[in-house]
Amino acid sequence: MGKLGEQVLGWAVLGLLGFGVYAGVSFVADQIKSHSTVNASAPDPRDQQIKELSAKVAALESQKPKPIEHHYQLRENGLRTFRFDPDTGETCIQLTSKEDWKRPDTIRQGCHTPIS
């Protein structure tokens, strides 16, 4: 074979190798794309759990907290009448003399909310 034949044969071999590499790369890329498409279309079992939990959270958030029902008890101790709430444990001065109300510590201990 002459020099020209060897060059043509060399170019042909390089061309075939290049085409093989191109075909292999595109085949692999197509396989990756189809694999990711299959995975994306498959339902994720966690999606149903997320929906159920979201519904439970929404139901809990929509519920109004139950208001505390106060059942006050009045207890006398000397000049003072204390208001005791057994539900919360709070105690305050409900009634006392005018002179006792002038003392700062009595004012601080006084009831700030009226009996309802």
Protein backbone atom coordinates (compact mmCIF):
# COMPACT_ATOMS: atom_id res chain seq x y z
CA MET A 1 0.00 0.00 0.00
CA GLY A 2 1.19 3.42 -0.79
CA LYS A 3 1.54 6.42 1.39
CA LEU A 4 -1.76 7.80 0.25
CA GLY A 5 -3.56 4.54 1.08
CA GLU A 6 -2.09 4.50 4.57
CA GLN A 7 -3.22 8.09 5.18
CA VAL A 8 -6.75 7.35 3.98
CA LEU A 9 -6.86 4.21 6.13
CA GLY A 10 -5.59 6.20 9.16
CA TRP A 11 -8.24 8.89 8.65
CA ALA A 12 -10.92 6.27 8.24
CA VAL A 13 -9.91 4.55 11.48
CA LEU A 14 -9.89 7.92 13.31
CA GLY A 15 -13.29 8.75 11.87
CA LEU A 16 -14.76 5.44 12.98
CA LEU A 17 -13.26 5.86 16.47
CA GLY A 18 -14.67 9.40 16.71
CA PHE A 19 -18.12 8.24 15.61
CA GLY A 20 -18.00 5.37 18.13
CA VAL A 21 -17.13 7.76 20.94
CA TYR A 22 -19.90 10.16 19.88
CA ALA A 23 -22.45 7.33 19.65
CA GLY A 24 -21.40 5.94 23.03
CA VAL A 25 -21.62 9.32 24.74
CA SER A 26 -25.03 10.09 23.28
CA PHE A 27 -26.29 6.60 24.22
CA VAL A 28 -25.11 7.04 27.80
CA ALA A 29 -26.67 10.52 27.95
CA ASP A 30 -29.99 9.14 26.67
CA GLN A 31 -29.91 6.40 29.31
CA ILE A 32 -29.27 8.93 32.07
CA LYS A 33 -32.13 11.13 30.86
CA SER A 34 -34.59 8.23 30.61
CA HIS A 35 -33.55 6.94 34.05
CA SER A 36 -34.10 10.33 35.67
CA THR A 37 -37.45 10.68 33.88
CA VAL A 38 -38.58 7.30 35.18
CA ASN A 39 -37.55 8.24 38.73
CA ALA A 40 -39.26 11.62 38.48
CA SER A 41 -42.54 10.10 37.33
CA ALA A 42 -42.55 7.37 39.99
CA PRO A 43 -44.70 8.41 42.98
CA ASP A 44 -42.76 9.05 46.15
CA PRO A 45 -44.40 7.38 49.16
CA ARG A 46 -43.33 10.32 51.31
CA ASP A 47 -45.63 12.64 49.32
CA GLN A 48 -48.71 10.99 50.83
CA GLN A 49 -47.24 11.29 54.33
CA ILE A 50 -46.50 14.97 53.75
CA LYS A 51 -50.10 15.58 52.64
CA GLU A 52 -51.50 13.77 55.69
CA LEU A 53 -49.23 15.62 58.11
CA SER A 54 -50.02 18.97 56.47
CA ALA A 55 -53.74 18.27 56.90
CA LYS A 56 -53.23 17.40 60.58
CA VAL A 57 -51.23 20.58 61.18
CA ALA A 58 -53.92 22.68 59.50
CA ALA A 59 -56.62 21.03 61.63
CA LEU A 60 -54.67 21.66 64.83
CA GLU A 61 -53.97 25.28 63.91
CA SER A 62 -57.63 25.91 63.16
CA GLN A 63 -58.73 24.75 66.60
CA LYS A 64 -59.15 27.57 69.07
CA PRO A 65 -57.48 27.10 72.43
CA LYS A 66 -59.94 26.42 75.18
CA PRO A 67 -60.24 29.48 77.42
CA ILE A 68 -59.45 29.07 81.08
CA GLU A 69 -62.58 29.14 83.18
CA HIS A 70 -61.86 31.02 86.36
CA HIS A 71 -63.56 29.87 89.56
CA TYR A 72 -62.50 32.45 92.08
CA GLN A 73 -62.67 31.89 95.80
CA LEU A 74 -62.62 34.78 98.26
CA ARG A 75 -60.72 34.25 101.52
CA GLU A 76 -60.51 36.68 104.40
CA ASN A 77 -57.29 37.23 106.34
CA GLY A 78 -57.38 40.12 108.80
CA LEU A 79 -58.24 43.38 107.04
CA ARG A 80 -57.72 41.89 103.59
CA THR A 81 -59.92 39.72 101.42
CA PHE A 82 -57.90 37.69 98.94
CA ARG A 83 -59.13 36.34 95.63
CA PHE A 84 -57.76 32.87 94.90
CA ASP A 85 -58.04 31.13 91.52
CA PRO A 86 -57.60 27.35 92.01
CA ASP A 87 -57.28 26.80 88.23
CA THR A 88 -54.18 28.97 87.87
CA GLY A 89 -53.01 29.24 91.49
CA GLU A 90 -53.01 33.05 91.38
CA THR A 91 -53.80 35.04 94.51
CA CYS A 92 -54.40 38.78 94.80
CA ILE A 93 -55.89 41.29 97.20
CA GLN A 94 -59.53 41.91 96.30
CA LEU A 95 -60.66 44.06 99.25
CA THR A 96 -58.93 45.97 102.04
CA SER A 97 -59.20 49.26 103.91
CA LYS A 98 -58.58 52.67 102.27
CA GLU A 99 -55.45 53.12 104.38
CA ASP A 100 -54.07 49.72 103.33
CA TRP A 101 -54.59 50.57 99.62
CA LYS A 102 -52.20 53.54 100.04
CA ARG A 103 -49.28 51.18 100.70
CA PRO A 104 -47.19 50.33 97.57
CA ASP A 105 -46.91 46.61 98.42
CA THR A 106 -50.70 46.36 98.75
CA ILE A 107 -51.15 48.02 95.35
CA ARG A 108 -48.66 45.58 93.75
CA GLN A 109 -50.56 42.62 95.24
CA GLY A 110 -53.97 43.97 94.24
CA CYS A 111 -56.12 42.27 91.63
CA HIS A 112 -55.76 43.93 88.24
CA THR A 113 -58.60 42.08 86.55
CA PRO A 114 -62.19 42.28 87.72
CA ILE A 115 -64.19 39.22 88.64
CA SER A 116 -66.20 38.14 85.62
